[in-house]
């Protein structure tokens, strides 16, 4: 994963999600309407999907690109298996 601003942006987004989760906990404690809670949960899911996509893109552009730019067939094979596993888990 890239360093610097890119990592900083992801941390900010994750802290925002963390705050949203705390907000949902408060909503439940306060007995808020179920649909409001479900909408808040959906917003978190969307935010996490966006972060997930950014991390995947960074991984492909950095880690995978480096492995395929090198001469090691083993490193390339490892990255391919890793990517297959990632896509399999992300589809669920």
PDB file of N, CA and C in Angstrom:
ATOM      1  N   UNK A   1       0.847  -1.179   0.000  1.00  0.00           N
ATOM      2  CA  UNK A   1       0.000   0.000   0.000  1.00  0.00           C
ATOM      3  C   UNK A   1       0.882   1.228   0.000  1.00  0.00           C
ATOM      4  N   UNK A   2       0.395   2.260  -0.651  1.00  0.00           N
ATOM      5  CA  UNK A   2       1.153   3.498  -0.750  1.00  0.00           C
ATOM      6  C   UNK A   2       1.253   4.184   0.604  1.00  0.00           C
ATOM      7  N   UNK A   3       2.283   4.978   0.741  1.00  0.00           N
ATOM      8  CA  UNK A   3       2.517   5.709   1.979  1.00  0.00           C
ATOM      9  C   UNK A   3       1.920   7.105   1.880  1.00  0.00           C
ATOM     10  N   UNK A   4       2.000   7.848   2.974  1.00  0.00           N
ATOM     11  CA  UNK A   4       1.678   9.267   2.962  1.00  0.00           C
ATOM     12  C   UNK A   4       0.214   9.592   2.884  1.00  0.00           C
ATOM     13  N   UNK A   5      -0.111  10.508   1.971  1.00  0.00           N
ATOM     14  CA  UNK A   5      -1.466  11.060   1.872  1.00  0.00           C
ATOM     15  C   UNK A   5      -2.508   9.982   1.626  1.00  0.00           C
ATOM     16  N   UNK A   6      -2.188   8.987   0.808  1.00  0.00           N
ATOM     17  CA  UNK A   6      -3.134   7.926   0.484  1.00  0.00           C
ATOM     18  C   UNK A   6      -3.521   7.159   1.747  1.00  0.00           C
ATOM     19  N   UNK A   7      -2.535   6.804   2.553  1.00  0.00           N
ATOM     20  CA  UNK A   7      -2.792   6.103   3.811  1.00  0.00           C
ATOM     21  C   UNK A   7      -3.580   7.004   4.754  1.00  0.00           C
ATOM     22  N   UNK A   8      -3.212   8.266   4.792  1.00  0.00           N
ATOM     23  CA  UNK A   8      -3.891   9.245   5.649  1.00  0.00           C
ATOM     24  C   UNK A   8      -5.371   9.335   5.290  1.00  0.00           C
ATOM     25  N   UNK A   9      -5.680   9.378   4.001  1.00  0.00           N
ATOM     26  CA  UNK A   9      -7.077   9.459   3.546  1.00  0.00           C
ATOM     27  C   UNK A   9      -7.879   8.243   3.989  1.00  0.00           C
ATOM     28  N   UNK A  10      -7.276   7.070   3.924  1.00  0.00           N
ATOM     29  CA  UNK A  10      -7.971   5.854   4.337  1.00  0.00           C
ATOM     30  C   UNK A  10      -8.223   5.860   5.839  1.00  0.00           C
ATOM     31  N   UNK A  11      -7.245   6.325   6.595  1.00  0.00           N
ATOM     32  CA  UNK A  11      -7.424   6.399   8.047  1.00  0.00           C
ATOM     33  C   UNK A  11      -8.529   7.380   8.419  1.00  0.00           C
ATOM     34  N   UNK A  12      -8.588   8.494   7.729  1.00  0.00           N
ATOM     35  CA  UNK A  12      -9.662   9.470   7.978  1.00  0.00           C
ATOM     36  C   UNK A  12     -11.017   8.830   7.683  1.00  0.00           C
ATOM     37  N   UNK A  13     -11.119   8.133   6.558  1.00  0.00           N
ATOM     38  CA  UNK A  13     -12.378   7.487   6.194  1.00  0.00           C
ATOM     39  C   UNK A  13     -12.767   6.421   7.220  1.00  0.00           C
ATOM     40  N   UNK A  14     -11.790   5.662   7.699  1.00  0.00           N
ATOM     41  CA  UNK A  14     -12.078   4.631   8.689  1.00  0.00           C
ATOM     42  C   UNK A  14     -12.481   5.234  10.032  1.00  0.00           C
ATOM     43  N   UNK A  15     -11.882   6.348  10.389  1.00  0.00           N
ATOM     44  CA  UNK A  15     -12.292   7.027  11.625  1.00  0.00           C
ATOM     45  C   UNK A  15     -13.725   7.546  11.510  1.00  0.00           C
ATOM     46  N   UNK A  16     -14.081   7.985  10.321  1.00  0.00           N
ATOM     47  CA  UNK A  16     -15.455   8.438  10.082  1.00  0.00           C
ATOM     48  C   UNK A  16     -16.419   7.262  10.252  1.00  0.00           C
ATOM     49  N   UNK A  17     -16.059   6.108   9.712  1.00  0.00           N
ATOM     50  CA  UNK A  17     -16.884   4.912   9.864  1.00  0.00           C
ATOM     51  C   UNK A  17     -16.978   4.531  11.346  1.00  0.00           C
ATOM     52  N   UNK A  18     -15.869   4.627  12.039  1.00  0.00           N
ATOM     53  CA  UNK A  18     -15.859   4.330  13.469  1.00  0.00           C
ATOM     54  C   UNK A  18     -16.867   5.225  14.207  1.00  0.00           C
ATOM     55  N   UNK A  19     -16.891   6.493  13.852  1.00  0.00           N
ATOM     56  CA  UNK A  19     -17.844   7.422  14.446  1.00  0.00           C
ATOM     57  C   UNK A  19     -19.278   7.058  14.097  1.00  0.00           C
ATOM     58  N   UNK A  20     -19.481   6.608  12.852  1.00  0.00           N
ATOM     59  CA  UNK A  20     -20.819   6.196  12.428  1.00  0.00           C
ATOM     60  C   UNK A  20     -21.283   4.971  13.221  1.00  0.00           C
ATOM     61  N   UNK A  21     -20.374   4.048  13.483  1.00  0.00           N
ATOM     62  CA  UNK A  21     -20.724   2.862  14.271  1.00  0.00           C
ATOM     63  C   UNK A  21     -21.122   3.278  15.686  1.00  0.00           C
ATOM     64  N   UNK A  22     -20.364   4.175  16.274  1.00  0.00           N
ATOM     65  CA  UNK A  22     -20.726   4.682  17.603  1.00  0.00           C
ATOM     66  C   UNK A  22     -22.097   5.360  17.557  1.00  0.00           C
ATOM     67  N   UNK A  23     -22.365   6.070  16.468  1.00  0.00           N
ATOM     68  CA  UNK A  23     -23.666   6.712  16.301  1.00  0.00           C
ATOM     69  C   UNK A  23     -24.797   5.699  16.256  1.00  0.00           C
ATOM     70  N   UNK A  24     -24.573   4.587  15.573  1.00  0.00           N
ATOM     71  CA  UNK A  24     -25.590   3.542  15.509  1.00  0.00           C
ATOM     72  C   UNK A  24     -25.802   2.917  16.880  1.00  0.00           C
ATOM     73  N   UNK A  25     -24.729   2.733  17.616  1.00  0.00           N
ATOM     74  CA  UNK A  25     -24.873   2.196  18.969  1.00  0.00           C
ATOM     75  C   UNK A  25     -25.758   3.116  19.813  1.00  0.00           C
ATOM     76  N   UNK A  26     -25.552   4.405  19.678  1.00  0.00           N
ATOM     77  CA  UNK A  26     -26.362   5.378  20.417  1.00  0.00           C
ATOM     78  C   UNK A  26     -27.809   5.345  19.939  1.00  0.00           C
ATOM     79  N   UNK A  27     -27.993   5.207  18.627  1.00  0.00           N
ATOM     80  CA  UNK A  27     -29.347   5.117  18.084  1.00  0.00           C
ATOM     81  C   UNK A  27     -30.095   3.931  18.702  1.00  0.00           C
ATOM     82  N   UNK A  28     -29.408   2.801  18.814  1.00  0.00           N
ATOM     83  CA  UNK A  28     -30.027   1.606  19.391  1.00  0.00           C
ATOM     84  C   UNK A  28     -30.317   1.830  20.873  1.00  0.00           C
ATOM     85  N   UNK A  29     -29.343   2.406  21.585  1.00  0.00           N
ATOM     86  CA  UNK A  29     -29.560   2.702  23.009  1.00  0.00           C
ATOM     87  C   UNK A  29     -30.763   3.619  23.206  1.00  0.00           C
ATOM     88  N   UNK A  30     -30.916   4.583  22.300  1.00  0.00           N
ATOM     89  CA  UNK A  30     -32.007   5.556  22.408  1.00  0.00           C
ATOM     90  C   UNK A  30     -33.337   5.022  21.879  1.00  0.00           C
ATOM     91  N   UNK A  31     -33.331   3.811  21.335  1.00  0.00           N
ATOM     92  CA  UNK A  31     -34.558   3.214  20.824  1.00  0.00           C
ATOM     93  C   UNK A  31     -35.072   3.858  19.546  1.00  0.00           C
ATOM     94  N   UNK A  32     -34.141   4.317  18.685  1.00  0.00           N
ATOM     95  CA  UNK A  32     -34.540   4.959  17.431  1.00  0.00           C
ATOM     96  C   UNK A  32     -35.235   3.964  16.511  1.00  0.00           C
ATOM     97  N   UNK A  33     -35.952   4.518  15.564  1.00  0.00           N
ATOM     98  CA  UNK A  33     -36.736   3.756  14.602  1.00  0.00           C
ATOM     99  C   UNK A  33     -35.826   2.835  13.783  1.00  0.00           C
ATOM    100  N   UNK A  34     -36.264   1.590  13.594  1.00  0.00           N
ATOM    101  CA  UNK A  34     -35.454   0.569  12.915  1.00  0.00           C
ATOM    102  C   UNK A  34     -34.976   1.003  11.533  1.00  0.00           C
ATOM    103  N   UNK A  35     -35.834   1.640  10.763  1.00  0.00           N
ATOM    104  CA  UNK A  35     -35.466   2.035   9.408  1.00  0.00           C
ATOM    105  C   UNK A  35     -34.334   3.058   9.439  1.00  0.00           C
ATOM    106  N   UNK A  36     -34.342   3.959  10.397  1.00  0.00           N
ATOM    107  CA  UNK A  36     -33.243   4.925  10.530  1.00  0.00           C
ATOM    108  C   UNK A  36     -31.928   4.201  10.818  1.00  0.00           C
ATOM    109  N   UNK A  37     -31.984   3.203  11.682  1.00  0.00           N
ATOM    110  CA  UNK A  37     -30.784   2.427  12.020  1.00  0.00           C
ATOM    111  C   UNK A  37     -30.295   1.664  10.798  1.00  0.00           C
ATOM    112  N   UNK A  38     -31.222   1.031  10.084  1.00  0.00           N
ATOM    113  CA  UNK A  38     -30.843   0.278   8.884  1.00  0.00           C
ATOM    114  C   UNK A  38     -30.225   1.180   7.821  1.00  0.00           C
ATOM    115  N   UNK A  39     -30.741   2.378   7.666  1.00  0.00           N
ATOM    116  CA  UNK A  39     -30.150   3.327   6.713  1.00  0.00           C
ATOM    117  C   UNK A  39     -28.737   3.708   7.128  1.00  0.00           C
ATOM    118  N   UNK A  40     -28.522   3.872   8.417  1.00  0.00           N
ATOM    119  CA  UNK A  40     -27.183   4.202   8.914  1.00  0.00           C
ATOM    120  C   UNK A  40     -26.213   3.037   8.686  1.00  0.00           C
ATOM    121  N   UNK A  41     -26.698   1.818   8.899  1.00  0.00           N
ATOM    122  CA  UNK A  41     -25.873   0.626   8.654  1.00  0.00           C
ATOM    123  C   UNK A  41     -25.512   0.536   7.169  1.00  0.00           C
ATOM    124  N   UNK A  42     -26.468   0.810   6.300  1.00  0.00           N
ATOM    125  CA  UNK A  42     -26.211   0.771   4.854  1.00  0.00           C
ATOM    126  C   UNK A  42     -25.159   1.804   4.460  1.00  0.00           C
ATOM    127  N   UNK A  43     -25.192   2.966   5.090  1.00  0.00           N
ATOM    128  CA  UNK A  43     -24.196   4.000   4.800  1.00  0.00           C
ATOM    129  C   UNK A  43     -22.801   3.526   5.187  1.00  0.00           C
ATOM    130  N   UNK A  44     -22.705   2.852   6.312  1.00  0.00           N
ATOM    131  CA  UNK A  44     -21.407   2.309   6.746  1.00  0.00           C
ATOM    132  C   UNK A  44     -20.915   1.254   5.771  1.00  0.00           C
ATOM    133  N   UNK A  45     -21.827   0.369   5.365  1.00  0.00           N
ATOM    134  CA  UNK A  45     -21.437  -0.656   4.409  1.00  0.00           C
ATOM    135  C   UNK A  45     -20.903  -0.042   3.122  1.00  0.00           C
ATOM    136  N   UNK A  46     -21.563   1.001   2.647  1.00  0.00           N
ATOM    137  CA  UNK A  46     -21.108   1.694   1.443  1.00  0.00           C
ATOM    138  C   UNK A  46     -19.747   2.333   1.632  1.00  0.00           C
ATOM    139  N   UNK A  47     -19.533   2.950   2.782  1.00  0.00           N
ATOM    140  CA  UNK A  47     -18.240   3.580   3.065  1.00  0.00           C
ATOM    141  C   UNK A  47     -17.132   2.535   3.124  1.00  0.00           C
ATOM    142  N   UNK A  48     -17.410   1.398   3.751  1.00  0.00           N
ATOM    143  CA  UNK A  48     -16.405   0.334   3.838  1.00  0.00           C
ATOM    144  C   UNK A  48     -16.096  -0.253   2.455  1.00  0.00           C
ATOM    145  N   UNK A  49     -17.110  -0.403   1.628  1.00  0.00           N
ATOM    146  CA  UNK A  49     -16.886  -0.903   0.260  1.00  0.00           C
ATOM    147  C   UNK A  49     -15.973   0.053  -0.511  1.00  0.00           C
ATOM    148  N   UNK A  50     -16.194   1.350  -0.326  1.00  0.00           N
ATOM    149  CA  UNK A  50     -15.367   2.336  -1.008  1.00  0.00           C
ATOM    150  C   UNK A  50     -13.916   2.238  -0.535  1.00  0.00           C
ATOM    151  N   UNK A  51     -13.708   2.126   0.757  1.00  0.00           N
ATOM    152  CA  UNK A  51     -12.359   1.989   1.311  1.00  0.00           C
ATOM    153  C   UNK A  51     -11.727   0.697   0.810  1.00  0.00           C
ATOM    154  N   UNK A  52     -12.496  -0.369   0.818  1.00  0.00           N
ATOM    155  CA  UNK A  52     -12.020  -1.663   0.331  1.00  0.00           C
ATOM    156  C   UNK A  52     -11.545  -1.550  -1.118  1.00  0.00           C
ATOM    157  N   UNK A  53     -12.314  -0.874  -1.946  1.00  0.00           N
ATOM    158  CA  UNK A  53     -11.945  -0.693  -3.350  1.00  0.00           C
ATOM    159  C   UNK A  53     -10.670   0.109  -3.511  1.00  0.00           C
ATOM    160  N   UNK A  54     -10.506   1.130  -2.684  1.00  0.00           N
ATOM    161  CA  UNK A  54      -9.290   1.943  -2.750  1.00  0.00           C
ATOM    162  C   UNK A  54      -8.060   1.122  -2.357  1.00  0.00           C
ATOM    163  N   UNK A  55      -8.205   0.314  -1.311  1.00  0.00           N
ATOM    164  CA  UNK A  55      -7.079  -0.514  -0.877  1.00  0.00           C
ATOM    165  C   UNK A  55      -6.742  -1.555  -1.935  1.00  0.00           C
ATOM    166  N   UNK A  56      -7.754  -2.157  -2.533  1.00  0.00           N
ATOM    167  CA  UNK A  56      -7.521  -3.143  -3.597  1.00  0.00           C
ATOM    168  C   UNK A  56      -6.814  -2.499  -4.784  1.00  0.00           C
ATOM    169  N   UNK A  57      -7.273  -1.327  -5.175  1.00  0.00           N
ATOM    170  CA  UNK A  57      -6.643  -0.611  -6.292  1.00  0.00           C
ATOM    171  C   UNK A  57      -5.175  -0.318  -5.978  1.00  0.00           C
ATOM    172  N   UNK A  58      -4.904   0.154  -4.774  1.00  0.00           N
ATOM    173  CA  UNK A  58      -3.520   0.436  -4.371  1.00  0.00           C
ATOM    174  C   UNK A  58      -2.676  -0.837  -4.386  1.00  0.00           C
ATOM    175  N   UNK A  59      -3.267  -1.931  -3.920  1.00  0.00           N
ATOM    176  CA  UNK A  59      -2.542  -3.205  -3.901  1.00  0.00           C
ATOM    177  C   UNK A  59      -2.167  -3.638  -5.316  1.00  0.00           C
ATOM    178  N   UNK A  60      -3.132  -3.527  -6.231  1.00  0.00           N
ATOM    179  CA  UNK A  60      -2.859  -3.914  -7.612  1.00  0.00           C
ATOM    180  C   UNK A  60      -1.809  -3.004  -8.248  1.00  0.00           C
ATOM    181  N   UNK A  61      -1.899  -1.716  -7.986  1.00  0.00           N
ATOM    182  CA  UNK A  61      -0.975  -0.757  -8.595  1.00  0.00           C
ATOM    183  C   UNK A  61       0.422  -0.788  -7.989  1.00  0.00           C
ATOM    184  N   UNK A  62       0.553  -1.274  -6.774  1.00  0.00           N
ATOM    185  CA  UNK A  62       1.874  -1.270  -6.128  1.00  0.00           C
ATOM    186  C   UNK A  62       2.398  -2.691  -5.967  1.00  0.00           C
ATOM    187  N   UNK A  63       1.836  -3.439  -5.063  1.00  0.00           N
ATOM    188  CA  UNK A  63       2.353  -4.768  -4.723  1.00  0.00           C
ATOM    189  C   UNK A  63       2.344  -5.728  -5.913  1.00  0.00           C
ATOM    190  N   UNK A  64       1.217  -5.796  -6.596  1.00  0.00           N
ATOM    191  CA  UNK A  64       1.103  -6.736  -7.714  1.00  0.00           C
ATOM    192  C   UNK A  64       1.964  -6.272  -8.886  1.00  0.00           C
ATOM    193  N   UNK A  65       1.938  -4.995  -9.167  1.00  0.00           N
ATOM    194  CA  UNK A  65       2.765  -4.461 -10.256  1.00  0.00           C
ATOM    195  C   UNK A  65       4.246  -4.746 -10.005  1.00  0.00           C
ATOM    196  N   UNK A  66       4.688  -4.576  -8.760  1.00  0.00           N
ATOM    197  CA  UNK A  66       6.095  -4.862  -8.424  1.00  0.00           C
ATOM    198  C   UNK A  66       6.430  -6.329  -8.634  1.00  0.00           C
ATOM    199  N   UNK A  67       5.539  -7.207  -8.218  1.00  0.00           N
ATOM    200  CA  UNK A  67       5.787  -8.644  -8.379  1.00  0.00           C
ATOM    201  C   UNK A  67       5.868  -9.020  -9.856  1.00  0.00           C
ATOM    202  N   UNK A  68       4.980  -8.454 -10.664  1.00  0.00           N
ATOM    203  CA  UNK A  68       4.987  -8.793 -12.082  1.00  0.00           C
ATOM    204  C   UNK A  68       6.083  -8.067 -12.855  1.00  0.00           C
ATOM    205  N   UNK A  69       6.636  -7.027 -12.273  1.00  0.00           N
ATOM    206  CA  UNK A  69       7.766  -6.334 -12.894  1.00  0.00           C
ATOM    207  C   UNK A  69       9.085  -7.034 -12.635  1.00  0.00           C
ATOM    208  N   UNK A  70       9.088  -7.916 -11.648  1.00  0.00           N
ATOM    209  CA  UNK A  70      10.305  -8.650 -11.305  1.00  0.00           C
ATOM    210  C   UNK A  70      10.448  -9.909 -12.134  1.00  0.00           C
ATOM    211  N   UNK A  71      11.509 -10.641 -11.855  1.00  0.00           N
ATOM    212  CA  UNK A  71      11.806 -11.846 -12.629  1.00  0.00           C
ATOM    213  C   UNK A  71      11.328 -13.128 -11.949  1.00  0.00           C
ATOM    214  N   UNK A  72      10.945 -13.029 -10.686  1.00  0.00           N
ATOM    215  CA  UNK A  72      10.585 -14.221  -9.922  1.00  0.00           C
ATOM    216  C   UNK A  72       9.214 -14.767 -10.339  1.00  0.00           C
ATOM    217  N   UNK A  73       9.251 -15.984 -10.903  1.00  0.00           N
ATOM    218  CA  UNK A  73       7.991 -16.645 -11.265  1.00  0.00           C
ATOM    219  C   UNK A  73       7.209 -16.996 -10.004  1.00  0.00           C
ATOM    220  N   UNK A  74       7.920 -17.348  -8.950  1.00  0.00           N
ATOM    221  CA  UNK A  74       7.257 -17.722  -7.699  1.00  0.00           C
ATOM    222  C   UNK A  74       6.489 -16.527  -7.119  1.00  0.00           C
ATOM    223  N   UNK A  75       7.089 -15.347  -7.148  1.00  0.00           N
ATOM    224  CA  UNK A  75       6.423 -14.141  -6.633  1.00  0.00           C
ATOM    225  C   UNK A  75       5.179 -13.831  -7.442  1.00  0.00           C
ATOM    226  N   UNK A  76       5.274 -14.006  -8.756  1.00  0.00           N
ATOM    227  CA  UNK A  76       4.111 -13.768  -9.623  1.00  0.00           C
ATOM    228  C   UNK A  76       2.994 -14.758  -9.306  1.00  0.00           C
ATOM    229  N   UNK A  77       3.365 -16.023  -9.121  1.00  0.00           N
ATOM    230  CA  UNK A  77       2.381 -17.059  -8.817  1.00  0.00           C
ATOM    231  C   UNK A  77       1.713 -16.807  -7.466  1.00  0.00           C
ATOM    232  N   UNK A  78       2.481 -16.377  -6.503  1.00  0.00           N
ATOM    233  CA  UNK A  78       1.935 -16.053  -5.181  1.00  0.00           C
ATOM    234  C   UNK A  78       0.920 -14.918  -5.295  1.00  0.00           C
ATOM    235  N   UNK A  79       1.275 -13.874  -6.039  1.00  0.00           N
ATOM    236  CA  UNK A  79       0.362 -12.734  -6.199  1.00  0.00           C
ATOM    237  C   UNK A  79      -0.912 -13.141  -6.924  1.00  0.00           C
ATOM    238  N   UNK A  80      -0.793 -13.991  -7.936  1.00  0.00           N
ATOM    239  CA  UNK A  80      -1.981 -14.454  -8.645  1.00  0.00           C
ATOM    240  C   UNK A  80      -2.918 -15.214  -7.714  1.00  0.00           C
ATOM    241  N   UNK A  81      -2.361 -16.141  -6.926  1.00  0.00           N
ATOM    242  CA  UNK A  81      -3.190 -16.884  -5.977  1.00  0.00           C
ATOM    243  C   UNK A  81      -3.810 -15.952  -4.946  1.00  0.00           C
ATOM    244  N   UNK A  82      -3.040 -14.975  -4.519  1.00  0.00           N
ATOM    245  CA  UNK A  82      -3.533 -13.991  -3.555  1.00  0.00           C
ATOM    246  C   UNK A  82      -4.715 -13.210  -4.144  1.00  0.00           C
ATOM    247  N   UNK A  83      -4.582 -12.783  -5.387  1.00  0.00           N
ATOM    248  CA  UNK A  83      -5.649 -12.020  -6.054  1.00  0.00           C
ATOM    249  C   UNK A  83      -6.890 -12.887  -6.242  1.00  0.00           C
ATOM    250  N   UNK A  84      -6.707 -14.135  -6.666  1.00  0.00           N
ATOM    251  CA  UNK A  84      -7.854 -15.034  -6.814  1.00  0.00           C
ATOM    252  C   UNK A  84      -8.592 -15.148  -5.476  1.00  0.00           C
ATOM    253  N   UNK A  85      -7.844 -15.337  -4.411  1.00  0.00           N
ATOM    254  CA  UNK A  85      -8.456 -15.443  -3.084  1.00  0.00           C
ATOM    255  C   UNK A  85      -9.180 -14.167  -2.682  1.00  0.00           C
ATOM    256  N   UNK A  86      -8.580 -13.023  -2.988  1.00  0.00           N
ATOM    257  CA  UNK A  86      -9.216 -11.744  -2.673  1.00  0.00           C
ATOM    258  C   UNK A  86     -10.544 -11.585  -3.393  1.00  0.00           C
ATOM    259  N   UNK A  87     -10.535 -11.838  -4.687  1.00  0.00           N
ATOM    260  CA  UNK A  87     -11.765 -11.692  -5.458  1.00  0.00           C
ATOM    261  C   UNK A  87     -12.826 -12.675  -4.993  1.00  0.00           C
ATOM    262  N   UNK A  88     -12.398 -13.865  -4.625  1.00  0.00           N
ATOM    263  CA  UNK A  88     -13.354 -14.847  -4.118  1.00  0.00           C
ATOM    264  C   UNK A  88     -13.992 -14.361  -2.821  1.00  0.00           C
ATOM    265  N   UNK A  89     -13.192 -13.811  -1.918  1.00  0.00           N
ATOM    266  CA  UNK A  89     -13.747 -13.335  -0.636  1.00  0.00           C
ATOM    267  C   UNK A  89     -14.555 -12.056  -0.809  1.00  0.00           C
ATOM    268  N   UNK A  90     -14.195 -11.196  -1.771  1.00  0.00           N
ATOM    269  CA  UNK A  90     -14.918  -9.956  -1.989  1.00  0.00           C
ATOM    270  C   UNK A  90     -16.280 -10.185  -2.639  1.00  0.00           C
ATOM    271  N   UNK A  91     -16.435 -11.310  -3.334  1.00  0.00           N
ATOM    272  CA  UNK A  91     -17.710 -11.614  -3.996  1.00  0.00           C
ATOM    273  C   UNK A  91     -18.778 -12.043  -3.014  1.00  0.00           C
ATOM    274  N   UNK A  92     -18.374 -12.453  -1.843  1.00  0.00           N
ATOM    275  CA  UNK A  92     -19.338 -12.962  -0.849  1.00  0.00           C
ATOM    276  C   UNK A  92     -20.098 -11.851  -0.203  1.00  0.00           C
TER     277      UNK A  92
END
